[in-house]
Amino acid sequence: MYNVLLVDDEPGHLTGLSRMLKRIRPDYGIHTARNGREALEECSRHSFQIIISDIRMPVMDGLHFMEQLSPGATPRRVIYLSGYNHFDYAQKAMSLGSFEYVLKPLDVDKFMSVLEKTEKSLEQELDSLLAREQLAARLNAAEPAYNHRLLNDWIEQQPSGSADTAGLAELAGLLGFRGDGGCLIVACLEGAAECPPAVQEILTARVGACGRAVGFLSRQDQRLFVIVSEVYPQEELLRQLNAPGVSVGISRWSPRLLATAPAAYTEARHAVMEGFYARPGESRVYLAERSRIDPQRRLTPALRLEALMTEAVNGSSHGKGAAQASGALFSRMLAGGGLPLPAELARNIQQLVFKVVHDLELLQPEARRELLNRISTLHPGHGGLTELAASVEVFLEEITEALQEARRDRKDGLMARCLDYINQHYTEELSLESVAEAFHFNPSYFCHYFKSKLNITFSQYVTGLRLSKAKELLAASSDKVYTIAHQLGYRDVKYFNRVFKKEFGLTPEEYRSLARSKAESAE
């Protein structure tokens, strides 16, 4: 939609032209003015893409109006309407940037053609402006991206030209150092996927207050923000860099940083990893020359640690739960020597847990496979040693639960075999002692175990099974009651009658009569 200004001192012409435009271009925003002065006032309040103006008007004519009109911020086209076919008018109008000169009275078809030509010209200019703006935006965005790539290639020793003389000169110009010496500072924001711009600006500003500093994100790990500093941080700056949730590693000073940046970057990156082991309240600024991190330290799974974890998941660790086992595990692994890299620690823990799960024969294959897949996701994370220890604790609890479930499943399978045995032998003189003996149970334990699983006693289960079968036989056969009682394992028919009536409120004969009556009425 375009905003259109109509300027004419004749009310009839102004009204007619306005109505015609509203009819053929209903989405246009149409404004009117009766002379050049009113038109200038309208232009001060609104932005117009199309101005259609008469030339001869009182107060201020159309040509003077155009001379007074300031250039617009957006493309604009002016169409002059005139009842006078004077060359001087047309020449002056064109010199003032008029797009078209149309004679009155208007020919509608010709005016439509002029309007379409005007719209097409505006669209082309707007498209051209947009393309230039987009190109400028891409160029503005490309320069920081190029600089960041150049800096990352430099510290990672990538062959992008930064190693040759021209590349080093470009880097020197980008850094703007007064000499060749400097150090690298690596900041890591704990618990975040990426170091945010606000933190980047604050850290760069603090280092830059002491000397030239350039900061950029590491493309290897977006949590790491690298600052190239021409000064080595002193005590005051070290205090300023100690901020909550941020670990900072500082390389040694290098008199030839342009040539030794990769080594300095590795130093600073290893130093910042000490924050992984930090306790609450400790300073999180680490100097490479004093770092406790030993990148060469390798951990190997120890049998005593494997035994500790196995005892924990088996419940045989004398009351030590998963939390205590996890704490003891890390304490023993980190004892003696420098601190290993977090990834090395996580790798060793992963191997230990993997071995423990793999050796638990009681686990079902599916449960074992699921646990092993879960263990493969174990990594140092963003929360430091505390988070890793918590993950290991959760793993141990999950393994313990899976092991307990396997034991329950094993017992439940045994119970299924017991019930199957009872269902096959309930017509015999069956007793709790005889079933316990058949499955090598202590009778007292079997009594407790049976009730814990089914919530009824052994005797109640057998009686219920026999009486349920008795109802079927009474309803379906004409056998004597004492015959049915004998078939179900009851040697005393009177006892059978008493038990049956106590359970159902009817004697066996009464139940048979009632069942047959219901069957006959259903037919």
Protein backbone atom coordinates (compact mmCIF):
# COMPACT_ATOMS: atom_id res chain seq x y z
CA MET A 1 0.00 0.00 0.00
CA TYR A 2 1.23 3.48 -0.91
CA ASN A 3 0.42 6.84 0.71
CA VAL A 4 -0.80 9.33 -1.93
CA LEU A 5 -1.09 13.15 -1.63
CA LEU A 6 -3.53 14.96 -4.01
CA VAL A 7 -2.93 18.71 -4.37
CA ASP A 8 -5.46 20.90 -6.29
CA ASP A 9 -7.19 24.18 -5.58
CA GLU A 10 -10.39 23.19 -7.42
CA PRO A 11 -12.64 21.23 -5.01
CA GLY A 12 -14.43 19.42 -7.81
CA HIS A 13 -11.19 18.15 -9.34
CA LEU A 14 -9.86 17.16 -5.91
CA THR A 15 -13.02 15.24 -4.99
CA GLY A 16 -13.28 13.53 -8.36
CA LEU A 17 -9.65 12.45 -8.42
CA SER A 18 -9.89 11.19 -4.81
CA ARG A 19 -13.00 9.10 -5.58
CA MET A 20 -11.44 7.64 -8.70
CA LEU A 21 -8.30 6.61 -6.83
CA LYS A 22 -10.32 5.05 -4.01
CA ARG A 23 -12.24 3.05 -6.60
CA ILE A 24 -9.24 1.73 -8.56
CA ARG A 25 -6.77 1.52 -5.61
CA PRO A 26 -8.89 0.89 -2.46
CA ASP A 27 -5.82 -0.01 -0.36
CA TYR A 28 -4.09 3.37 -0.90
CA GLY A 29 -3.91 5.91 1.90
CA ILE A 30 -5.21 9.14 0.31
CA HIS A 31 -4.58 12.66 1.69
CA THR A 32 -5.54 16.01 0.11
CA ALA A 33 -4.29 19.62 0.10
CA ARG A 34 -5.66 22.75 -1.63
CA ASN A 35 -2.35 24.46 -2.38
CA GLY A 36 1.41 24.06 -2.11
CA ARG A 37 1.62 25.39 1.45
CA GLU A 38 -0.96 22.90 2.76
CA ALA A 39 0.88 20.19 0.82
CA LEU A 40 4.17 21.06 2.57
CA GLU A 41 2.40 20.82 5.94
CA GLU A 42 1.01 17.40 5.03
CA CYS A 43 4.47 16.24 3.95
CA SER A 44 5.89 17.31 7.31
CA ARG A 45 3.38 15.04 9.05
CA HIS A 46 3.30 12.05 6.69
CA SER A 47 5.53 10.22 4.28
CA PHE A 48 4.13 10.00 0.73
CA GLN A 49 5.29 7.72 -2.06
CA ILE A 50 3.11 9.31 -4.75
CA ILE A 51 2.25 13.05 -5.04
CA ILE A 52 -0.25 14.15 -7.70
CA SER A 53 -0.27 17.94 -7.90
CA ASP A 54 -1.77 20.72 -9.98
CA ILE A 55 0.67 23.44 -11.06
CA ARG A 56 -1.25 26.71 -10.98
CA MET A 57 -2.70 27.28 -7.49
CA PRO A 58 -3.10 30.27 -5.16
CA VAL A 59 -0.89 30.84 -2.06
CA MET A 60 1.82 28.48 -3.40
CA ASP A 61 1.84 26.79 -6.81
CA GLY A 62 2.91 23.25 -7.54
CA LEU A 63 6.35 24.10 -8.87
CA HIS A 64 7.23 26.27 -5.85
CA PHE A 65 5.91 23.47 -3.60
CA MET A 66 8.35 21.02 -5.21
CA GLU A 67 11.25 23.46 -4.77
CA GLN A 68 10.46 23.74 -1.04
CA LEU A 69 9.90 19.99 -0.50
CA SER A 70 12.75 18.26 1.35
CA PRO A 71 14.08 14.94 -0.01
CA GLY A 72 12.19 11.99 1.45
CA ALA A 73 13.66 9.06 3.36
CA THR A 74 11.79 6.67 1.07
CA PRO A 75 11.38 6.67 -2.74
CA ARG A 76 8.85 9.20 -4.04
CA ARG A 77 7.23 9.94 -7.42
CA VAL A 78 5.55 13.25 -8.43
CA ILE A 79 2.91 13.45 -11.16
CA TYR A 80 1.94 16.94 -12.33
CA LEU A 81 -1.57 17.69 -13.62
CA SER A 82 -2.14 20.87 -15.59
CA GLY A 83 -4.69 22.38 -17.88
CA TYR A 84 -1.93 24.27 -19.68
CA ASN A 85 0.14 22.65 -22.38
CA HIS A 86 3.12 24.97 -21.90
CA PHE A 87 6.61 23.72 -22.61
CA ASP A 88 8.05 25.96 -19.89
CA TYR A 89 5.83 24.32 -17.28
CA ALA A 90 6.76 20.83 -18.38
CA GLN A 91 10.47 21.68 -18.56
CA LYS A 92 10.45 23.19 -15.06
CA ALA A 93 8.49 20.25 -13.68
CA MET A 94 10.96 17.77 -15.11
CA SER A 95 13.93 19.72 -13.72
CA LEU A 96 12.35 19.42 -10.25
CA GLY A 97 12.17 15.65 -10.53
CA SER A 98 8.65 15.22 -11.83
CA PHE A 99 7.96 11.65 -12.91
CA GLU A 100 5.08 12.45 -15.29
CA TYR A 101 3.27 15.48 -16.70
CA VAL A 102 -0.43 14.85 -17.48
CA LEU A 103 -2.84 17.31 -19.06
CA LYS A 104 -6.34 18.05 -17.86
CA PRO A 105 -9.02 16.97 -18.36
CA LEU A 106 -7.84 13.51 -17.39
CA ASP A 107 -8.15 10.62 -19.74
CA VAL A 108 -8.89 7.69 -17.37
CA ASP A 109 -7.11 5.08 -19.46
CA LYS A 110 -4.04 7.25 -19.87
CA PHE A 111 -4.04 8.12 -16.17
CA MET A 112 -4.23 4.38 -15.29
CA SER A 113 -1.25 3.74 -17.54
CA VAL A 114 0.71 6.54 -15.85
CA LEU A 115 -0.23 5.22 -12.38
CA GLU A 116 0.87 1.67 -13.24
CA LYS A 117 4.16 3.00 -14.63
CA THR A 118 4.65 5.00 -11.43
CA GLU A 119 3.98 1.97 -9.22
CA LYS A 120 6.38 -0.21 -11.20
CA SER A 121 9.11 2.43 -10.92
CA LEU A 122 8.59 2.66 -7.15
CA GLU A 123 8.70 -1.12 -6.73
CA GLN A 124 11.96 -1.35 -8.67
CA GLU A 125 13.59 1.36 -6.58
CA LEU A 126 12.35 -0.18 -3.32
CA ASP A 127 13.67 -3.59 -4.38
CA SER A 128 17.01 -2.03 -5.25
CA LEU A 129 17.17 -0.25 -1.86
CA LEU A 130 16.31 -3.47 -0.04
CA ALA A 131 19.01 -5.36 -1.93
CA ARG A 132 21.59 -2.71 -1.01
CA GLU A 133 20.53 -2.76 2.65
CA GLN A 134 20.76 -6.55 2.76
CA LEU A 135 24.18 -6.46 1.14
CA ALA A 136 25.36 -3.86 3.65
CA ALA A 137 23.99 -5.96 6.52
CA ARG A 138 25.75 -9.05 5.20
CA LEU A 139 29.02 -7.15 4.87
CA ASN A 140 28.67 -5.75 8.40
CA ALA A 141 27.97 -9.23 9.75
CA ALA A 142 30.70 -10.83 7.68
CA GLU A 143 33.52 -8.74 9.11
CA PRO A 144 33.12 -9.88 12.76
CA ALA A 145 32.55 -13.44 11.56
CA TYR A 146 35.72 -13.28 9.45
CA ASN A 147 37.70 -11.85 12.38
CA HIS A 148 36.43 -14.59 14.70
CA ARG A 149 37.33 -17.26 12.16
CA LEU A 150 40.78 -15.75 11.76
CA LEU A 151 41.32 -15.71 15.54
CA ASN A 152 40.03 -19.28 15.96
CA ASP A 153 42.26 -20.53 13.13
CA TRP A 154 45.17 -18.78 14.84
CA ILE A 155 44.76 -20.39 18.28
CA GLU A 156 43.93 -23.78 16.76
CA GLN A 157 46.83 -23.55 14.28
CA GLN A 158 44.56 -24.02 11.28
CA PRO A 159 45.98 -23.35 7.77
CA SER A 160 43.83 -20.30 6.89
CA GLY A 161 46.71 -17.96 6.17
CA SER A 162 47.24 -16.87 9.78
CA ALA A 163 50.59 -18.67 9.91
CA ASP A 164 52.20 -16.82 7.00
CA THR A 165 53.70 -13.33 7.12
CA ALA A 166 50.63 -11.63 5.63
CA GLY A 167 48.34 -13.52 8.01
CA LEU A 168 50.41 -12.55 11.05
CA ALA A 169 50.40 -8.94 9.91
CA GLU A 170 46.60 -9.05 9.60
CA LEU A 171 46.35 -10.55 13.10
CA ALA A 172 48.67 -7.92 14.52
CA GLY A 173 46.50 -5.21 12.96
CA LEU A 174 43.34 -6.82 14.35
CA LEU A 175 44.80 -7.14 17.86
CA GLY A 176 46.43 -3.70 17.81
CA PHE A 177 49.06 -4.68 20.38
CA ARG A 178 52.00 -2.34 20.98
CA GLY A 179 54.37 -5.33 21.10
CA ASP A 180 54.43 -9.07 20.36
CA GLY A 181 53.92 -10.31 23.94
CA GLY A 182 50.66 -11.30 25.58
CA CYS A 183 48.61 -14.12 27.10
CA LEU A 184 45.36 -15.92 26.46
CA ILE A 185 42.48 -15.89 28.96
CA VAL A 186 39.75 -18.52 28.64
CA ALA A 187 36.47 -18.01 30.50
CA CYS A 188 33.92 -20.80 30.91
CA LEU A 189 30.37 -20.09 32.07
CA GLU A 190 29.28 -23.05 34.19
CA GLY A 191 25.94 -24.67 33.45
CA ALA A 192 25.37 -22.85 30.13
CA ALA A 193 25.44 -24.06 26.56
CA GLU A 194 27.03 -20.80 25.37
CA CYS A 195 28.74 -17.86 27.02
CA PRO A 196 26.24 -14.99 26.58
CA PRO A 197 27.22 -11.66 24.93
CA ALA A 198 26.72 -9.70 28.17
CA VAL A 199 29.32 -11.80 29.99
CA GLN A 200 31.67 -11.53 27.00
CA GLU A 201 31.43 -7.72 27.01
CA ILE A 202 31.99 -7.45 30.78
CA LEU A 203 35.07 -9.70 30.77
CA THR A 204 36.60 -8.01 27.71
CA ALA A 205 36.01 -4.58 29.25
CA ARG A 206 37.67 -5.56 32.54
CA VAL A 207 40.75 -6.94 30.81
CA GLY A 208 40.77 -4.08 28.29
CA ALA A 209 40.85 -1.51 31.11
CA CYS A 210 44.40 -2.69 31.85
CA GLY A 211 45.59 -2.95 28.24
CA ARG A 212 44.51 -3.88 24.74
CA ALA A 213 42.21 -6.96 24.68
CA VAL A 214 40.21 -8.73 21.98
CA GLY A 215 37.56 -11.37 22.83
CA PHE A 216 35.86 -14.06 20.76
CA LEU A 217 33.97 -17.34 21.23
CA SER A 218 35.85 -20.58 20.78
CA ARG A 219 34.27 -22.56 17.97
CA GLN A 220 35.47 -25.81 19.61
CA ASP A 221 33.23 -25.17 22.61
CA GLN A 222 30.74 -22.30 22.65
CA ARG A 223 30.93 -22.16 26.45
CA LEU A 224 34.55 -20.98 26.17
CA PHE A 225 35.18 -17.28 25.63
CA VAL A 226 38.76 -16.44 24.67
CA ILE A 227 40.40 -13.07 25.40
CA VAL A 228 43.72 -12.14 23.83
CA SER A 229 45.39 -9.74 26.26
CA GLU A 230 48.59 -7.73 25.82
CA VAL A 231 48.98 -7.55 29.62
CA TYR A 232 49.35 -10.35 32.13
CA PRO A 233 46.61 -10.01 34.81
CA GLN A 234 47.82 -8.66 38.12
CA GLU A 235 46.21 -9.08 41.52
CA GLU A 236 43.48 -6.46 41.08
CA LEU A 237 42.41 -7.81 37.68
CA LEU A 238 42.44 -11.38 39.02
CA ARG A 239 39.94 -10.28 41.67
CA GLN A 240 37.75 -8.64 39.02
CA LEU A 241 37.76 -11.79 36.89
CA ASN A 242 36.57 -13.91 39.85
CA ALA A 243 32.82 -13.85 39.22
CA PRO A 244 30.09 -16.30 40.36
CA GLY A 245 29.45 -19.11 37.90
CA VAL A 246 32.48 -18.27 35.73
CA SER A 247 35.76 -20.19 35.67
CA VAL A 248 38.78 -18.43 34.19
CA GLY A 249 42.03 -20.00 32.99
CA ILE A 250 45.08 -17.86 32.15
CA SER A 251 48.04 -19.02 30.09
CA ARG A 252 51.63 -18.16 30.88
CA TRP A 253 53.00 -14.90 29.50
CA SER A 254 54.50 -15.33 26.04
CA PRO A 255 56.89 -12.73 24.57
CA ARG A 256 55.95 -14.04 21.08
CA LEU A 257 52.24 -14.71 21.41
CA LEU A 258 51.53 -14.40 17.68
CA ALA A 259 53.73 -17.44 17.06
CA THR A 260 52.91 -19.44 20.21
CA ALA A 261 49.13 -18.94 20.50
CA PRO A 262 48.14 -22.64 20.09
CA ALA A 263 50.30 -23.68 23.05
CA ALA A 264 48.99 -20.76 25.13
CA TYR A 265 45.39 -21.68 24.25
CA THR A 266 45.94 -25.29 25.34
CA GLU A 267 47.46 -24.08 28.63
CA ALA A 268 44.56 -21.71 29.37
CA ARG A 269 41.97 -24.31 28.38
CA HIS A 270 43.50 -26.90 30.70
CA ALA A 271 43.76 -24.35 33.52
CA VAL A 272 40.07 -23.40 33.25
CA MET A 273 39.14 -27.06 33.66
CA GLU A 274 40.23 -26.83 37.29
CA GLY A 275 36.90 -25.10 37.83
CA PHE A 276 35.31 -28.53 37.30
CA TYR A 277 36.70 -29.57 40.70
CA ALA A 278 35.98 -26.28 42.51
CA ARG A 279 34.21 -26.25 45.86
CA PRO A 280 31.61 -23.58 46.73
CA GLY A 281 33.22 -20.30 47.73
CA GLU A 282 36.59 -21.03 46.11
CA SER A 283 38.19 -18.59 43.67
CA ARG A 284 37.60 -19.74 40.11
CA VAL A 285 40.53 -17.95 38.48
CA TYR A 286 43.33 -20.37 37.60
CA LEU A 287 46.85 -19.59 36.40
CA ALA A 288 48.42 -22.18 34.09
CA GLU A 289 51.72 -21.92 35.96
CA ARG A 290 50.01 -23.04 39.21
CA SER A 291 47.33 -25.35 37.80
CA ARG A 292 46.62 -28.66 39.56
CA ILE A 293 45.35 -30.16 36.30
CA ASP A 294 47.63 -32.87 34.93
CA PRO A 295 46.59 -33.42 31.29
CA GLN A 296 48.95 -36.41 31.07
CA ARG A 297 47.37 -38.32 33.96
CA ARG A 298 45.59 -41.49 32.85
CA LEU A 299 43.19 -43.44 35.04
CA THR A 300 42.72 -47.19 34.80
CA PRO A 301 39.78 -49.15 36.28
CA ALA A 302 40.86 -50.73 39.58
CA LEU A 303 39.47 -53.99 40.96
CA ARG A 304 38.96 -52.48 44.42
CA LEU A 305 36.81 -49.71 42.90
CA GLU A 306 34.84 -52.21 40.87
CA ALA A 307 34.25 -54.25 44.06
CA LEU A 308 33.08 -51.09 45.87
CA MET A 309 30.45 -50.41 43.21
CA THR A 310 29.37 -54.06 43.00
CA GLU A 311 28.84 -54.15 46.77
CA ALA A 312 26.78 -50.95 46.57
CA VAL A 313 24.38 -52.25 43.90
CA ASN A 314 24.10 -55.68 45.54
CA GLY A 315 23.15 -54.14 48.86
CA SER A 316 26.09 -55.84 50.59
CA SER A 317 28.11 -52.70 51.38
CA HIS A 318 27.26 -52.75 55.10
CA GLY A 319 24.68 -49.97 54.90
CA LYS A 320 26.51 -47.81 52.38
CA GLY A 321 24.07 -46.54 49.79
CA ALA A 322 24.61 -45.20 46.30
CA ALA A 323 25.52 -41.71 47.59
CA GLN A 324 28.24 -43.02 49.91
CA ALA A 325 29.56 -45.39 47.26
CA SER A 326 29.72 -42.55 44.70
CA GLY A 327 31.55 -40.28 47.15
CA ALA A 328 34.04 -42.99 48.10
CA LEU A 329 34.61 -43.81 44.44
CA PHE A 330 35.60 -40.25 43.49
CA SER A 331 37.66 -39.78 46.64
CA ARG A 332 39.79 -42.85 45.87
CA MET A 333 40.12 -42.09 42.15
CA LEU A 334 41.36 -38.53 42.72
CA ALA A 335 43.76 -39.38 45.53
CA GLY A 336 47.43 -38.73 44.79
CA GLY A 337 48.93 -36.80 41.86
CA GLY A 338 47.46 -33.99 39.80
CA LEU A 339 43.83 -33.77 38.83
CA PRO A 340 42.93 -35.59 35.59
CA LEU A 341 41.08 -33.85 32.78
CA PRO A 342 37.30 -34.05 33.40
CA ALA A 343 36.82 -36.10 30.22
CA GLU A 344 39.43 -38.63 31.45
CA LEU A 345 37.65 -38.91 34.81
CA ALA A 346 34.26 -39.44 33.13
CA ARG A 347 35.76 -42.03 30.75
CA ASN A 348 37.19 -44.05 33.65
CA ILE A 349 33.92 -43.89 35.61
CA GLN A 350 32.07 -45.01 32.50
CA GLN A 351 34.36 -48.04 32.11
CA LEU A 352 33.90 -49.02 35.77
CA VAL A 353 30.11 -48.80 35.71
CA PHE A 354 30.02 -50.59 32.36
CA LYS A 355 32.08 -53.48 33.79
CA VAL A 356 29.88 -53.75 36.90
CA VAL A 357 26.67 -53.92 34.84
CA HIS A 358 28.18 -56.35 32.34
CA ASP A 359 29.15 -58.79 35.13
CA LEU A 360 25.74 -58.86 36.86
CA GLU A 361 24.51 -62.24 35.60
CA LEU A 362 21.10 -61.93 37.25
CA LEU A 363 20.09 -59.00 34.98
CA GLN A 364 17.86 -59.78 32.04
CA PRO A 365 19.46 -59.03 28.61
CA GLU A 366 17.03 -56.20 27.87
CA ALA A 367 17.61 -54.51 31.25
CA ARG A 368 21.38 -54.90 30.84
CA ARG A 369 21.28 -53.43 27.34
CA GLU A 370 19.23 -50.44 28.48
CA LEU A 371 21.59 -49.70 31.36
CA LEU A 372 24.66 -49.98 29.15
CA ASN A 373 23.11 -47.55 26.67
CA ARG A 374 22.40 -45.11 29.50
CA ILE A 375 25.96 -45.39 30.81
CA SER A 376 27.33 -44.54 27.36
CA THR A 377 25.80 -41.04 27.73
CA LEU A 378 27.81 -40.25 30.87
CA HIS A 379 29.95 -37.13 30.33
CA PRO A 380 31.50 -34.38 32.52
CA GLY A 381 28.55 -32.04 31.89
CA HIS A 382 28.39 -28.34 32.76
CA GLY A 383 27.83 -28.69 36.50
CA GLY A 384 31.29 -29.86 37.49
CA LEU A 385 32.30 -32.70 39.79
CA THR A 386 29.11 -32.34 41.84
CA GLU A 387 26.93 -33.00 38.80
CA LEU A 388 29.07 -35.94 37.65
CA ALA A 389 28.97 -37.50 41.13
CA ALA A 390 25.18 -37.05 41.21
CA SER A 391 24.91 -38.76 37.80
CA VAL A 392 26.98 -41.70 39.06
CA GLU A 393 24.78 -41.90 42.17
CA VAL A 394 21.68 -42.03 39.96
CA PHE A 395 23.29 -44.74 37.80
CA LEU A 396 24.08 -46.85 40.88
CA GLU A 397 20.49 -46.44 42.11
CA GLU A 398 19.15 -47.48 38.70
CA ILE A 399 21.42 -50.53 38.62
CA THR A 400 20.34 -51.45 42.17
CA GLU A 401 16.69 -51.13 41.21
CA ALA A 402 17.18 -53.23 38.06
CA LEU A 403 18.92 -55.89 40.13
CA GLN A 404 16.13 -55.92 42.71
CA GLU A 405 13.57 -56.15 39.92
CA ALA A 406 15.44 -59.12 38.46
CA ARG A 407 15.34 -60.80 41.86
CA ARG A 408 11.63 -60.10 42.18
CA ASP A 409 11.01 -61.48 38.71
CA ARG A 410 12.94 -64.58 39.63
CA LYS A 411 10.86 -65.06 42.77
CA ASP A 412 7.64 -64.34 40.88
CA GLY A 413 8.58 -67.03 38.38
CA LEU A 414 9.08 -69.44 41.25
CA MET A 415 5.67 -68.56 42.66
CA ALA A 416 4.08 -69.23 39.27
CA ARG A 417 5.59 -72.73 39.32
CA CYS A 418 4.30 -73.27 42.88
CA LEU A 419 0.75 -72.27 41.89
CA ASP A 420 0.90 -74.49 38.83
CA TYR A 421 1.93 -77.39 41.07
CA ILE A 422 -0.98 -76.71 43.46
CA ASN A 423 -3.48 -76.49 40.57
CA GLN A 424 -2.36 -79.92 39.37
CA HIS A 425 -2.42 -81.63 42.81
CA TYR A 426 -5.28 -79.93 44.68
CA THR A 427 -7.41 -83.14 44.53
CA GLU A 428 -4.77 -84.93 46.58
CA GLU A 429 -3.97 -84.61 50.27
CA LEU A 430 -2.06 -81.39 49.73
CA SER A 431 -0.32 -79.58 52.60
CA LEU A 432 1.92 -76.55 52.96
CA GLU A 433 4.75 -78.81 54.13
CA SER A 434 4.50 -81.07 51.09
CA VAL A 435 4.59 -78.15 48.61
CA ALA A 436 7.48 -76.48 50.51
CA GLU A 437 9.40 -79.74 50.35
CA ALA A 438 8.72 -80.07 46.61
CA PHE A 439 10.36 -76.69 46.02
CA HIS A 440 13.08 -76.99 48.66
CA PHE A 441 11.65 -74.31 50.91
CA ASN A 442 11.67 -74.14 54.67
CA PRO A 443 7.92 -74.54 55.58
CA SER A 444 7.96 -71.48 57.84
CA TYR A 445 9.63 -69.32 55.17
CA PHE A 446 7.30 -70.70 52.47
CA CYS A 447 4.25 -69.82 54.58
CA HIS A 448 5.46 -66.21 54.94
CA TYR A 449 6.59 -65.99 51.29
CA PHE A 450 3.24 -67.33 49.97
CA LYS A 451 1.19 -64.84 51.99
CA SER A 452 3.46 -61.89 51.02
CA LYS A 453 2.94 -62.67 47.34
CA LEU A 454 -0.81 -63.47 47.23
CA ASN A 455 -2.04 -61.72 50.39
CA ILE A 456 -3.82 -64.93 51.50
CA THR A 457 -2.59 -68.04 53.29
CA PHE A 458 -1.74 -71.32 51.61
CA SER A 459 -4.81 -72.96 53.20
CA GLN A 460 -7.15 -70.18 52.00
CA TYR A 461 -5.83 -70.48 48.45
CA VAL A 462 -6.28 -74.28 48.29
CA THR A 463 -9.78 -74.08 49.87
CA GLY A 464 -10.84 -71.38 47.42
CA LEU A 465 -9.54 -73.42 44.47
CA ARG A 466 -11.41 -76.57 45.61
CA LEU A 467 -14.69 -74.76 46.31
CA SER A 468 -14.58 -72.97 42.96
CA LYS A 469 -14.23 -76.35 41.24
CA ALA A 470 -17.02 -77.75 43.45
CA LYS A 471 -19.48 -75.13 42.14
CA GLU A 472 -18.67 -76.16 38.56
CA LEU A 473 -19.18 -79.87 39.27
CA LEU A 474 -22.42 -79.34 41.20
CA ALA A 475 -23.92 -77.27 38.40
CA ALA A 476 -22.76 -79.51 35.54
CA SER A 477 -23.04 -83.08 36.88
CA SER A 478 -25.50 -85.32 38.74
CA ASP A 479 -22.80 -86.96 40.89
CA LYS A 480 -23.55 -87.38 44.55
CA VAL A 481 -22.20 -84.69 46.85
CA TYR A 482 -19.92 -87.16 48.65
CA THR A 483 -18.50 -88.24 45.26
CA ILE A 484 -17.69 -84.63 44.35
CA ALA A 485 -16.19 -84.08 47.80
CA HIS A 486 -13.90 -87.10 47.33
CA GLN A 487 -12.90 -85.89 43.85
CA LEU A 488 -11.81 -82.58 45.36
CA GLY A 489 -9.67 -84.14 48.09
CA TYR A 490 -12.24 -84.04 50.95
CA ARG A 491 -12.46 -87.39 52.72
CA ASP A 492 -15.16 -86.17 55.15
CA VAL A 493 -18.33 -85.13 53.28
CA LYS A 494 -19.78 -83.45 56.40
CA TYR A 495 -16.70 -81.25 56.67
CA PHE A 496 -17.05 -80.41 52.97
CA ASN A 497 -20.70 -79.41 53.51
CA ARG A 498 -19.77 -77.14 56.43
CA VAL A 499 -16.94 -75.47 54.51
CA PHE A 500 -19.13 -74.96 51.41
CA LYS A 501 -22.03 -73.43 53.37
CA LYS A 502 -19.72 -71.17 55.33
CA GLU A 503 -18.26 -69.82 52.06
CA PHE A 504 -21.46 -69.45 49.97
CA GLY A 505 -24.34 -69.45 52.52
CA LEU A 506 -25.91 -72.55 50.91
CA THR A 507 -25.43 -76.30 51.24
CA PRO A 508 -24.05 -78.07 48.15
CA GLU A 509 -27.53 -79.51 47.35
CA GLU A 510 -29.17 -76.08 47.75
CA TYR A 511 -26.58 -74.53 45.46
CA ARG A 512 -27.12 -77.27 42.82
CA SER A 513 -30.90 -76.74 42.91
CA LEU A 514 -30.53 -72.96 42.57
CA ALA A 515 -27.98 -73.25 39.73
CA ARG A 516 -30.24 -75.62 37.74
CA SER A 517 -33.29 -73.36 38.24
CA LYS A 518 -31.37 -70.40 36.86
CA ALA A 519 -30.21 -72.47 33.89
CA GLU A 520 -33.79 -73.63 33.08
CA SER A 521 -35.20 -70.08 33.34
CA ALA A 522 -32.46 -68.80 31.02
CA GLU A 523 -33.53 -71.33 28.39
